């Protein structure tokens, strides 16, 4: 079992959308009987182990929940399954646009 607090920031490079940051707590589990790893994370606002910094000036704190399953398969193959929920705090964007973007309407390079 592994535990980690991590923080990431991102910027879209688009003028009306301010940059975002997130602080999450992640746990990882080695599953030797399946030759796999399971990683889960959830947002953090406070911790008894470390200080959680406030968002930088001009950044918006988002919430990110995730579960990743990675399994090594025979013949040099890898099985990857991921479930993710991210609240980007885009309150003025219609849900239909957010659904389009979440289904791949926005390139990963941004």
Protein backbone atom coordinates (compact mmCIF):
# COMPACT_ATOMS: atom_id res chain seq x y z
CA UNK A 1 0.00 0.00 0.00
CA UNK A 2 1.32 3.43 -0.95
CA UNK A 3 0.03 6.91 -0.01
CA UNK A 4 0.89 10.32 -1.42
CA UNK A 5 -0.35 13.91 -1.39
CA UNK A 6 0.12 15.57 -4.76
CA UNK A 7 -0.61 18.95 -6.27
CA UNK A 8 -0.87 19.88 -9.92
CA UNK A 9 -1.56 23.05 -11.83
CA UNK A 10 -2.77 23.59 -15.37
CA UNK A 11 -3.35 26.50 -17.66
CA UNK A 12 -5.46 26.49 -20.81
CA UNK A 13 -3.79 29.49 -22.43
CA UNK A 14 -7.22 30.96 -23.11
CA UNK A 15 -7.80 34.48 -21.82
CA UNK A 16 -11.27 34.13 -20.25
CA UNK A 17 -10.42 30.88 -18.41
CA UNK A 18 -8.15 31.29 -15.40
CA UNK A 19 -5.56 28.62 -14.54
CA UNK A 20 -6.55 25.72 -12.27
CA UNK A 21 -4.85 23.79 -9.48
CA UNK A 22 -5.72 20.72 -7.44
CA UNK A 23 -4.47 19.04 -4.27
CA UNK A 24 -5.32 15.36 -3.97
CA UNK A 25 -4.57 12.41 -1.73
CA UNK A 26 -3.75 9.20 -3.55
CA UNK A 27 -3.45 5.59 -2.44
CA UNK A 28 -1.92 2.79 -4.45
CA UNK A 29 -2.33 -0.93 -3.94
CA UNK A 30 -0.19 -3.70 -5.42
CA UNK A 31 -2.32 -6.68 -6.44
CA UNK A 32 0.24 -9.48 -6.94
CA UNK A 33 -2.35 -12.19 -7.64
CA UNK A 34 -3.48 -10.17 -10.71
CA UNK A 35 -0.05 -8.72 -11.57
CA UNK A 36 -1.65 -5.29 -11.27
CA UNK A 37 -1.74 -1.97 -9.46
CA UNK A 38 -4.81 -0.01 -8.34
CA UNK A 39 -4.45 3.74 -7.73
CA UNK A 40 -7.20 5.93 -6.28
CA UNK A 41 -7.24 9.63 -5.47
CA UNK A 42 -9.60 12.16 -3.94
CA UNK A 43 -9.41 15.92 -3.31
CA UNK A 44 -7.98 17.27 -0.05
CA UNK A 45 -8.72 20.44 1.87
CA UNK A 46 -6.87 19.58 5.08
CA UNK A 47 -4.44 16.98 6.35
CA UNK A 48 -2.97 15.96 9.69
CA UNK A 49 0.29 15.04 7.92
CA UNK A 50 1.11 18.18 5.93
CA UNK A 51 -0.02 21.72 5.19
CA UNK A 52 -2.33 22.14 2.20
CA UNK A 53 -1.37 25.38 0.45
CA UNK A 54 -4.10 27.75 -0.72
CA UNK A 55 -4.43 28.23 -4.48
CA UNK A 56 -1.90 30.60 -6.01
CA UNK A 57 -3.13 34.09 -6.81
CA UNK A 58 -5.33 33.97 -9.91
CA UNK A 59 -5.79 30.16 -9.76
CA UNK A 60 -9.05 28.31 -9.13
CA UNK A 61 -8.99 25.15 -6.97
CA UNK A 62 -10.68 22.23 -8.72
CA UNK A 63 -11.78 18.82 -7.43
CA UNK A 64 -10.41 15.66 -8.97
CA UNK A 65 -11.39 12.05 -8.13
CA UNK A 66 -9.82 9.17 -9.97
CA UNK A 67 -9.33 5.41 -10.01
CA UNK A 68 -6.75 3.73 -12.27
CA UNK A 69 -6.24 -0.01 -12.72
CA UNK A 70 -3.07 -1.14 -14.52
CA UNK A 71 -2.47 -4.83 -15.22
CA UNK A 72 0.47 -6.45 -16.98
CA UNK A 73 -0.81 -9.10 -19.39
CA UNK A 74 1.00 -11.85 -21.31
CA UNK A 75 2.70 -11.07 -24.64
CA UNK A 76 3.90 -7.58 -23.54
CA UNK A 77 0.38 -6.14 -23.27
CA UNK A 78 -0.99 -3.76 -20.65
CA UNK A 79 -4.60 -3.35 -19.53
CA UNK A 80 -5.41 0.20 -18.40
CA UNK A 81 -8.78 1.19 -16.99
CA UNK A 82 -9.49 4.64 -15.64
CA UNK A 83 -12.50 6.37 -14.13
CA UNK A 84 -12.20 10.07 -13.44
CA UNK A 85 -14.44 12.87 -12.21
CA UNK A 86 -13.14 16.41 -12.39
CA UNK A 87 -15.10 19.48 -11.35
CA UNK A 88 -13.34 22.20 -13.35
CA UNK A 89 -15.36 24.98 -11.65
CA UNK A 90 -16.61 26.31 -14.99
CA UNK A 91 -19.95 27.62 -13.70
CA UNK A 92 -20.91 29.68 -16.76
CA UNK A 93 -20.33 26.94 -19.33
CA UNK A 94 -23.45 24.98 -20.41
CA UNK A 95 -23.45 21.27 -19.43
CA UNK A 96 -23.72 20.21 -23.09
CA UNK A 97 -20.39 21.94 -23.86
CA UNK A 98 -18.73 20.35 -20.80
CA UNK A 99 -19.98 16.91 -21.88
CA UNK A 100 -18.58 17.43 -25.39
CA UNK A 101 -15.20 18.48 -24.02
CA UNK A 102 -15.07 15.57 -21.55
CA UNK A 103 -15.68 13.05 -24.36
CA UNK A 104 -12.60 14.14 -26.28
CA UNK A 105 -13.63 17.42 -27.85
CA UNK A 106 -10.55 19.11 -26.43
CA UNK A 107 -7.09 17.84 -27.42
CA UNK A 108 -4.77 16.49 -24.71
CA UNK A 109 -2.00 18.84 -25.83
CA UNK A 110 -3.66 21.89 -24.30
